[in-house]
Amino acid sequence: MTALLSARNLRRDYLLEGEAVHAVRDVSLEIAPGDYVAIVGPSGCGKSSLLNLLGGIDRPDAGEVAIRGQRLAGLGDRELTRFRLHNIGFVFQRFYLMPVLTARENVELPMAEAGVPPAVRRARAAELLAYVGLAGRARHRPPQLSGGEQQRVAIARALANRPALVLADEPTGELDARTGAEIIALFERLNADGTTLVVVTHDEELARAARRVIHMRDGAIVHHEVLRARA
């Protein structure tokens, strides 16, 4: 099967207080359509740096990333922003919702940026909020929602433009155990419905829900295990 995402020999270095930090060291991996991959490892091992490279948020010092056959290095900044908008959904630990907008309006944002007509994006937002169990909270603003509800809105927003790939960075990190379990179940449902997921996590329960687990240490992949084969 052709890879949805392919990364080859990625390297990313930073300067921190004059010292070189080798955040990602010669990492190669492939993500197939419909896969569900968890990236785990100790704090500072390069998990989030790698996710940022895979999503085109950051650019590598060496190596390349291709999504749907498109090499990200071949895109200028504006083209890359447009590519991300249509092909990648992002979910973050701290939600990053617009506090002055309702849940529905937050979900509509990426569709508005993509030029989707208002009536179409309202219908899509309503559909997605129902999917994540928040049909009755569409008019509530983030301060009126619990942490788990805010993360559900953020997941709906990530799905708004029907991306090929959803990348999540510590999506249960701000949540209590019960609420985190609800988000884990939602991610399992998303994957069962065909969404390709890559999550960075310290949450052992979330990692165990994935199909594959990639272990990182000191910027490199040190172990790869398959938990469940794809159907």
C-alpha atoms as a PDB file:
ATOM      1  CA  MET A   1       0.000   0.000   0.000  1.00  0.00           C
ATOM      2  CA  THR A   2       1.279   3.481  -0.876  1.00  0.00           C
ATOM      3  CA  ALA A   3       2.212   5.499   2.192  1.00  0.00           C
ATOM      4  CA  LEU A   4       0.038   8.472   3.076  1.00  0.00           C
ATOM      5  CA  LEU A   5       3.005  10.068   4.844  1.00  0.00           C
ATOM      6  CA  SER A   6       6.647   9.292   4.217  1.00  0.00           C
ATOM      7  CA  ALA A   7       9.560  10.765   6.198  1.00  0.00           C
ATOM      8  CA  ARG A   8      13.163  10.139   5.218  1.00  0.00           C
ATOM      9  CA  ASN A   9      16.278  10.814   7.321  1.00  0.00           C
ATOM     10  CA  LEU A  10      14.820  13.769   9.204  1.00  0.00           C
ATOM     11  CA  ARG A  11      17.163  15.887  11.274  1.00  0.00           C
ATOM     12  CA  ARG A  12      16.331  18.974  13.318  1.00  0.00           C
ATOM     13  CA  ASP A  13      18.861  20.872  15.443  1.00  0.00           C
ATOM     14  CA  TYR A  14      18.317  23.875  17.704  1.00  0.00           C
ATOM     15  CA  LEU A  15      20.548  26.286  19.547  1.00  0.00           C
ATOM     16  CA  LEU A  16      19.653  26.579  23.225  1.00  0.00           C
ATOM     17  CA  GLU A  17      21.734  29.047  25.236  1.00  0.00           C
ATOM     18  CA  GLY A  18      24.563  28.607  22.751  1.00  0.00           C
ATOM     19  CA  GLU A  19      24.431  24.797  22.922  1.00  0.00           C
ATOM     20  CA  ALA A  20      23.390  22.609  19.991  1.00  0.00           C
ATOM     21  CA  VAL A  21      20.342  20.456  20.720  1.00  0.00           C
ATOM     22  CA  HIS A  22      19.825  17.522  18.352  1.00  0.00           C
ATOM     23  CA  ALA A  23      16.049  17.293  18.662  1.00  0.00           C
ATOM     24  CA  VAL A  24      15.471  14.834  15.800  1.00  0.00           C
ATOM     25  CA  ARG A  25      18.215  12.534  14.558  1.00  0.00           C
ATOM     26  CA  ASP A  26      17.960  10.660  11.246  1.00  0.00           C
ATOM     27  CA  VAL A  27      14.313   9.616  11.660  1.00  0.00           C
ATOM     28  CA  SER A  28      12.560   7.702   8.881  1.00  0.00           C
ATOM     29  CA  LEU A  29       9.011   6.351   9.007  1.00  0.00           C
ATOM     30  CA  GLU A  30       5.919   5.704   6.924  1.00  0.00           C
ATOM     31  CA  ILE A  31       2.248   6.128   7.811  1.00  0.00           C
ATOM     32  CA  ALA A  32      -0.292   4.176   5.761  1.00  0.00           C
ATOM     33  CA  PRO A  33      -3.853   5.368   5.096  1.00  0.00           C
ATOM     34  CA  GLY A  34      -6.060   4.361   8.032  1.00  0.00           C
ATOM     35  CA  ASP A  35      -3.130   3.839  10.398  1.00  0.00           C
ATOM     36  CA  TYR A  36      -3.100   4.891  14.055  1.00  0.00           C
ATOM     37  CA  VAL A  37       0.391   5.559  15.406  1.00  0.00           C
ATOM     38  CA  ALA A  38       1.436   6.676  18.892  1.00  0.00           C
ATOM     39  CA  ILE A  39       4.853   8.273  19.396  1.00  0.00           C
ATOM     40  CA  VAL A  40       6.082   7.864  22.969  1.00  0.00           C
ATOM     41  CA  GLY A  41       9.201   8.531  24.987  1.00  0.00           C
ATOM     42  CA  PRO A  42      10.554  10.611  27.878  1.00  0.00           C
ATOM     43  CA  SER A  43      10.156  14.398  27.998  1.00  0.00           C
ATOM     44  CA  GLY A  44      12.640  16.129  25.718  1.00  0.00           C
ATOM     45  CA  CYS A  45      13.201  13.092  23.500  1.00  0.00           C
ATOM     46  CA  GLY A  46      12.028  14.878  20.335  1.00  0.00           C
ATOM     47  CA  LYS A  47       8.425  13.646  20.028  1.00  0.00           C
ATOM     48  CA  SER A  48       6.805  17.044  19.544  1.00  0.00           C
ATOM     49  CA  SER A  49       9.671  18.249  17.342  1.00  0.00           C
ATOM     50  CA  LEU A  50       9.112  15.238  15.099  1.00  0.00           C
ATOM     51  CA  LEU A  51       5.354  15.841  14.976  1.00  0.00           C
ATOM     52  CA  ASN A  52       5.956  19.461  13.951  1.00  0.00           C
ATOM     53  CA  LEU A  53       8.175  18.266  11.099  1.00  0.00           C
ATOM     54  CA  LEU A  54       5.604  15.691   9.960  1.00  0.00           C
ATOM     55  CA  GLY A  55       2.886  18.355   9.929  1.00  0.00           C
ATOM     56  CA  GLY A  56       4.931  20.999   8.129  1.00  0.00           C
ATOM     57  CA  ILE A  57       4.785  23.356  11.120  1.00  0.00           C
ATOM     58  CA  ASP A  58       8.586  23.275  11.178  1.00  0.00           C
ATOM     59  CA  ARG A  59      11.108  22.474   8.455  1.00  0.00           C
ATOM     60  CA  PRO A  60      13.912  19.922   8.874  1.00  0.00           C
ATOM     61  CA  ASP A  61      17.602  20.743   8.644  1.00  0.00           C
ATOM     62  CA  ALA A  62      18.008  17.572   6.587  1.00  0.00           C
ATOM     63  CA  GLY A  63      15.733  14.906   5.141  1.00  0.00           C
ATOM     64  CA  GLU A  64      12.251  15.276   3.718  1.00  0.00           C
ATOM     65  CA  VAL A  65       8.563  14.698   4.388  1.00  0.00           C
ATOM     66  CA  ALA A  66       5.985  13.815   1.729  1.00  0.00           C
ATOM     67  CA  ILE A  67       2.227  13.656   2.254  1.00  0.00           C
ATOM     68  CA  ARG A  68       0.009  12.232  -0.479  1.00  0.00           C
ATOM     69  CA  GLY A  69       3.116  12.282  -2.669  1.00  0.00           C
ATOM     70  CA  GLN A  70       3.657  16.020  -2.164  1.00  0.00           C
ATOM     71  CA  ARG A  71       7.136  16.869  -0.911  1.00  0.00           C
ATOM     72  CA  LEU A  72       6.713  19.576   1.716  1.00  0.00           C
ATOM     73  CA  ALA A  73      10.178  20.962   0.996  1.00  0.00           C
ATOM     74  CA  GLY A  74       8.959  21.858  -2.486  1.00  0.00           C
ATOM     75  CA  LEU A  75       6.324  24.258  -1.118  1.00  0.00           C
ATOM     76  CA  GLY A  76       6.808  27.918  -0.232  1.00  0.00           C
ATOM     77  CA  ASP A  77       5.450  29.209   3.065  1.00  0.00           C
ATOM     78  CA  ARG A  78       2.067  30.285   1.648  1.00  0.00           C
ATOM     79  CA  GLU A  79       1.703  27.072  -0.344  1.00  0.00           C
ATOM     80  CA  LEU A  80       2.597  25.030   2.718  1.00  0.00           C
ATOM     81  CA  THR A  81       0.008  26.847   4.836  1.00  0.00           C
ATOM     82  CA  ARG A  82      -2.610  26.104   2.183  1.00  0.00           C
ATOM     83  CA  PHE A  83      -1.530  22.480   1.949  1.00  0.00           C
ATOM     84  CA  ARG A  84      -1.827  22.021   5.726  1.00  0.00           C
ATOM     85  CA  LEU A  85      -5.270  23.630   5.712  1.00  0.00           C
ATOM     86  CA  HIS A  86      -6.618  21.061   3.271  1.00  0.00           C
ATOM     87  CA  ASN A  87      -4.670  17.937   4.206  1.00  0.00           C
ATOM     88  CA  ILE A  88      -3.759  17.957   7.914  1.00  0.00           C
ATOM     89  CA  GLY A  89      -5.829  18.405  11.066  1.00  0.00           C
ATOM     90  CA  PHE A  90      -4.082  19.388  14.301  1.00  0.00           C
ATOM     91  CA  VAL A  91      -5.137  18.701  17.898  1.00  0.00           C
ATOM     92  CA  PHE A  92      -3.114  20.241  20.732  1.00  0.00           C
ATOM     93  CA  GLN A  93      -2.834  19.706  24.477  1.00  0.00           C
ATOM     94  CA  ARG A  94      -4.210  23.162  25.315  1.00  0.00           C
ATOM     95  CA  PHE A  95      -7.034  23.222  22.746  1.00  0.00           C
ATOM     96  CA  TYR A  96      -6.244  26.707  21.277  1.00  0.00           C
ATOM     97  CA  LEU A  97      -9.878  27.619  20.716  1.00  0.00           C
ATOM     98  CA  MET A  98     -10.896  31.230  20.105  1.00  0.00           C
ATOM     99  CA  PRO A  99     -12.573  32.240  23.405  1.00  0.00           C
ATOM    100  CA  VAL A 100     -14.862  34.854  21.839  1.00  0.00           C
ATOM    101  CA  LEU A 101     -16.318  32.391  19.328  1.00  0.00           C
ATOM    102  CA  THR A 102     -18.936  29.713  19.940  1.00  0.00           C
ATOM    103  CA  ALA A 103     -18.119  26.037  19.573  1.00  0.00           C
ATOM    104  CA  ARG A 104     -19.759  26.035  16.143  1.00  0.00           C
ATOM    105  CA  GLU A 105     -17.846  29.123  15.040  1.00  0.00           C
ATOM    106  CA  ASN A 106     -14.559  27.588  16.184  1.00  0.00           C
ATOM    107  CA  VAL A 107     -15.243  24.496  14.086  1.00  0.00           C
ATOM    108  CA  GLU A 108     -16.152  26.709  11.124  1.00  0.00           C
ATOM    109  CA  LEU A 109     -12.872  28.653  11.221  1.00  0.00           C
ATOM    110  CA  PRO A 110     -10.710  26.357   9.045  1.00  0.00           C
ATOM    111  CA  MET A 111     -13.567  26.023   6.564  1.00  0.00           C
ATOM    112  CA  ALA A 112     -13.892  29.800   6.347  1.00  0.00           C
ATOM    113  CA  GLU A 113     -10.156  30.016   5.668  1.00  0.00           C
ATOM    114  CA  ALA A 114     -10.588  27.404   2.925  1.00  0.00           C
ATOM    115  CA  GLY A 115     -13.360  29.431   1.267  1.00  0.00           C
ATOM    116  CA  VAL A 116     -16.214  27.055   2.085  1.00  0.00           C
ATOM    117  CA  PRO A 117     -19.616  28.797   1.657  1.00  0.00           C
ATOM    118  CA  PRO A 118     -21.293  29.808   4.948  1.00  0.00           C
ATOM    119  CA  ALA A 119     -24.279  27.482   4.656  1.00  0.00           C
ATOM    120  CA  VAL A 120     -22.044  24.498   3.882  1.00  0.00           C
ATOM    121  CA  ARG A 121     -19.685  25.167   6.757  1.00  0.00           C
ATOM    122  CA  ARG A 122     -22.559  25.656   9.236  1.00  0.00           C
ATOM    123  CA  ALA A 123     -23.990  22.285   8.236  1.00  0.00           C
ATOM    124  CA  ARG A 124     -20.564  20.612   8.437  1.00  0.00           C
ATOM    125  CA  ALA A 125     -19.883  22.149  11.865  1.00  0.00           C
ATOM    126  CA  ALA A 126     -23.246  20.927  13.168  1.00  0.00           C
ATOM    127  CA  GLU A 127     -22.512  17.439  11.803  1.00  0.00           C
ATOM    128  CA  LEU A 128     -19.079  17.338  13.463  1.00  0.00           C
ATOM    129  CA  LEU A 129     -20.285  18.638  16.817  1.00  0.00           C
ATOM    130  CA  ALA A 130     -22.940  15.935  16.806  1.00  0.00           C
ATOM    131  CA  TYR A 131     -20.244  13.369  15.953  1.00  0.00           C
ATOM    132  CA  VAL A 132     -18.151  14.336  18.991  1.00  0.00           C
ATOM    133  CA  GLY A 133     -21.214  14.424  21.266  1.00  0.00           C
ATOM    134  CA  LEU A 134     -21.674  18.195  21.534  1.00  0.00           C
ATOM    135  CA  ALA A 135     -24.753  18.900  19.431  1.00  0.00           C
ATOM    136  CA  GLY A 136     -26.332  20.686  22.380  1.00  0.00           C
ATOM    137  CA  ARG A 137     -23.289  22.881  23.079  1.00  0.00           C
ATOM    138  CA  ALA A 138     -22.858  24.503  19.661  1.00  0.00           C
ATOM    139  CA  ARG A 139     -23.665  28.014  20.942  1.00  0.00           C
ATOM    140  CA  HIS A 140     -21.445  27.813  24.010  1.00  0.00           C
ATOM    141  CA  ARG A 141     -18.099  29.605  24.090  1.00  0.00           C
ATOM    142  CA  PRO A 142     -14.929  27.849  25.343  1.00  0.00           C
ATOM    143  CA  PRO A 143     -15.059  29.406  28.855  1.00  0.00           C
ATOM    144  CA  GLN A 144     -18.509  27.825  29.249  1.00  0.00           C
ATOM    145  CA  LEU A 145     -17.201  24.353  28.364  1.00  0.00           C
ATOM    146  CA  SER A 146     -15.293  21.785  30.400  1.00  0.00           C
ATOM    147  CA  GLY A 147     -11.777  20.754  29.376  1.00  0.00           C
ATOM    148  CA  GLY A 148     -13.060  17.568  27.797  1.00  0.00           C
ATOM    149  CA  GLU A 149     -15.724  19.461  25.869  1.00  0.00           C
ATOM    150  CA  GLN A 150     -13.147  21.952  24.631  1.00  0.00           C
ATOM    151  CA  GLN A 151     -10.958  19.107  23.382  1.00  0.00           C
ATOM    152  CA  ARG A 152     -13.953  17.615  21.577  1.00  0.00           C
ATOM    153  CA  VAL A 153     -14.523  20.963  19.855  1.00  0.00           C
ATOM    154  CA  ALA A 154     -10.827  21.029  18.925  1.00  0.00           C
ATOM    155  CA  ILE A 155     -11.108  17.539  17.440  1.00  0.00           C
ATOM    156  CA  ALA A 156     -14.187  18.581  15.447  1.00  0.00           C
ATOM    157  CA  ARG A 157     -12.257  21.621  14.198  1.00  0.00           C
ATOM    158  CA  ALA A 158      -9.354  19.374  13.136  1.00  0.00           C
ATOM    159  CA  LEU A 159     -11.776  17.322  11.019  1.00  0.00           C
ATOM    160  CA  ALA A 160     -13.511  20.306   9.430  1.00  0.00           C
ATOM    161  CA  ASN A 161     -11.794  20.224   6.019  1.00  0.00           C
ATOM    162  CA  ARG A 162     -11.802  16.406   5.812  1.00  0.00           C
ATOM    163  CA  PRO A 163      -8.015  16.079   6.214  1.00  0.00           C
ATOM    164  CA  ALA A 164      -6.068  13.048   5.079  1.00  0.00           C
ATOM    165  CA  LEU A 165      -4.190  13.009   8.378  1.00  0.00           C
ATOM    166  CA  VAL A 166      -4.816  14.132  11.975  1.00  0.00           C
ATOM    167  CA  LEU A 167      -1.797  14.910  14.184  1.00  0.00           C
ATOM    168  CA  ALA A 168      -2.331  15.223  17.939  1.00  0.00           C
ATOM    169  CA  ASP A 169       0.194  16.475  20.501  1.00  0.00           C
ATOM    170  CA  GLU A 170      -0.612  15.249  24.045  1.00  0.00           C
ATOM    171  CA  PRO A 171      -4.395  15.421  23.438  1.00  0.00           C
ATOM    172  CA  THR A 172      -5.204  14.060  26.927  1.00  0.00           C
ATOM    173  CA  GLY A 173      -2.443  15.939  28.745  1.00  0.00           C
ATOM    174  CA  GLU A 174      -4.734  18.589  30.282  1.00  0.00           C
ATOM    175  CA  LEU A 175      -7.546  16.192  31.187  1.00  0.00           C
ATOM    176  CA  ASP A 176      -8.418  14.064  34.200  1.00  0.00           C
ATOM    177  CA  ALA A 177      -8.411  10.269  33.845  1.00  0.00           C
ATOM    178  CA  ARG A 178     -12.143   9.881  33.174  1.00  0.00           C
ATOM    179  CA  THR A 179     -12.285  12.666  30.600  1.00  0.00           C
ATOM    180  CA  GLY A 180      -9.072  11.436  29.029  1.00  0.00           C
ATOM    181  CA  ALA A 181     -10.631   7.998  28.619  1.00  0.00           C
ATOM    182  CA  GLU A 182     -13.552   9.588  26.755  1.00  0.00           C
ATOM    183  CA  ILE A 183     -11.142  11.302  24.342  1.00  0.00           C
ATOM    184  CA  ILE A 184      -9.247   8.029  23.847  1.00  0.00           C
ATOM    185  CA  ALA A 185     -12.527   6.321  22.954  1.00  0.00           C
ATOM    186  CA  LEU A 186     -13.317   9.125  20.510  1.00  0.00           C
ATOM    187  CA  PHE A 187      -9.922   8.698  18.836  1.00  0.00           C
ATOM    188  CA  GLU A 188     -10.558   4.955  18.514  1.00  0.00           C
ATOM    189  CA  ARG A 189     -13.899   5.710  16.873  1.00  0.00           C
ATOM    190  CA  LEU A 190     -12.279   8.204  14.501  1.00  0.00           C
ATOM    191  CA  ASN A 191      -9.730   5.626  13.426  1.00  0.00           C
ATOM    192  CA  ALA A 192     -12.379   2.915  13.035  1.00  0.00           C
ATOM    193  CA  ASP A 193     -14.248   5.327  10.760  1.00  0.00           C
ATOM    194  CA  GLY A 194     -11.148   5.713   8.572  1.00  0.00           C
ATOM    195  CA  THR A 195      -9.247   8.702   9.997  1.00  0.00           C
ATOM    196  CA  THR A 196      -5.460   8.344   9.930  1.00  0.00           C
ATOM    197  CA  LEU A 197      -4.015   9.384  13.311  1.00  0.00           C
ATOM    198  CA  VAL A 198      -0.565  10.137  14.679  1.00  0.00           C
ATOM    199  CA  VAL A 199      -0.458  11.061  18.377  1.00  0.00           C
ATOM    200  CA  VAL A 200       2.392  12.139  20.623  1.00  0.00           C
ATOM    201  CA  THR A 201       1.651  11.114  24.191  1.00  0.00           C
ATOM    202  CA  HIS A 202       2.836  10.264  27.686  1.00  0.00           C
ATOM    203  CA  ASP A 203      -0.560   8.640  28.318  1.00  0.00           C
ATOM    204  CA  GLU A 204      -0.086   4.865  28.431  1.00  0.00           C
ATOM    205  CA  GLU A 205      -3.803   4.236  27.862  1.00  0.00           C
ATOM    206  CA  LEU A 206      -3.806   6.402  24.739  1.00  0.00           C
ATOM    207  CA  ALA A 207      -0.661   4.668  23.422  1.00  0.00           C
ATOM    208  CA  ARG A 208      -2.239   1.239  23.966  1.00  0.00           C
ATOM    209  CA  ALA A 209      -5.257   2.287  21.888  1.00  0.00           C
ATOM    210  CA  ALA A 210      -3.053   2.848  18.818  1.00  0.00           C
ATOM    211  CA  ARG A 211      -2.249   0.248  16.200  1.00  0.00           C
ATOM    212  CA  ARG A 212       1.488   0.976  16.258  1.00  0.00           C
ATOM    213  CA  VAL A 213       3.768   2.511  18.884  1.00  0.00           C
ATOM    214  CA  ILE A 214       7.019   4.273  18.024  1.00  0.00           C
ATOM    215  CA  HIS A 215       9.412   4.741  20.937  1.00  0.00           C
ATOM    216  CA  MET A 216      11.847   7.676  20.834  1.00  0.00           C
ATOM    217  CA  ARG A 217      14.895   8.541  22.887  1.00  0.00           C
ATOM    218  CA  ASP A 218      17.449  11.315  22.372  1.00  0.00           C
ATOM    219  CA  GLY A 219      15.834  12.366  19.088  1.00  0.00           C
ATOM    220  CA  ALA A 220      15.901   8.930  17.472  1.00  0.00           C
ATOM    221  CA  ILE A 221      13.486   6.020  17.031  1.00  0.00           C
ATOM    222  CA  VAL A 222      14.727   3.195  19.244  1.00  0.00           C
ATOM    223  CA  HIS A 223      11.854   0.715  19.040  1.00  0.00           C
ATOM    224  CA  HIS A 224       8.739   0.091  16.982  1.00  0.00           C
ATOM    225  CA  GLU A 225       5.922  -2.250  17.964  1.00  0.00           C
ATOM    226  CA  VAL A 226       2.711  -3.325  16.252  1.00  0.00           C
ATOM    227  CA  LEU A 227      -0.182  -3.691  18.690  1.00  0.00           C
ATOM    228  CA  ARG A 228      -3.009  -4.331  16.236  1.00  0.00           C
ATOM    229  CA  ALA A 229      -2.927  -5.065  12.527  1.00  0.00           C
ATOM    230  CA  ARG A 230      -5.083  -2.897  10.285  1.00  0.00           C
ATOM    231  CA  ALA A 231      -8.253  -4.562   9.060  1.00  0.00           C
END
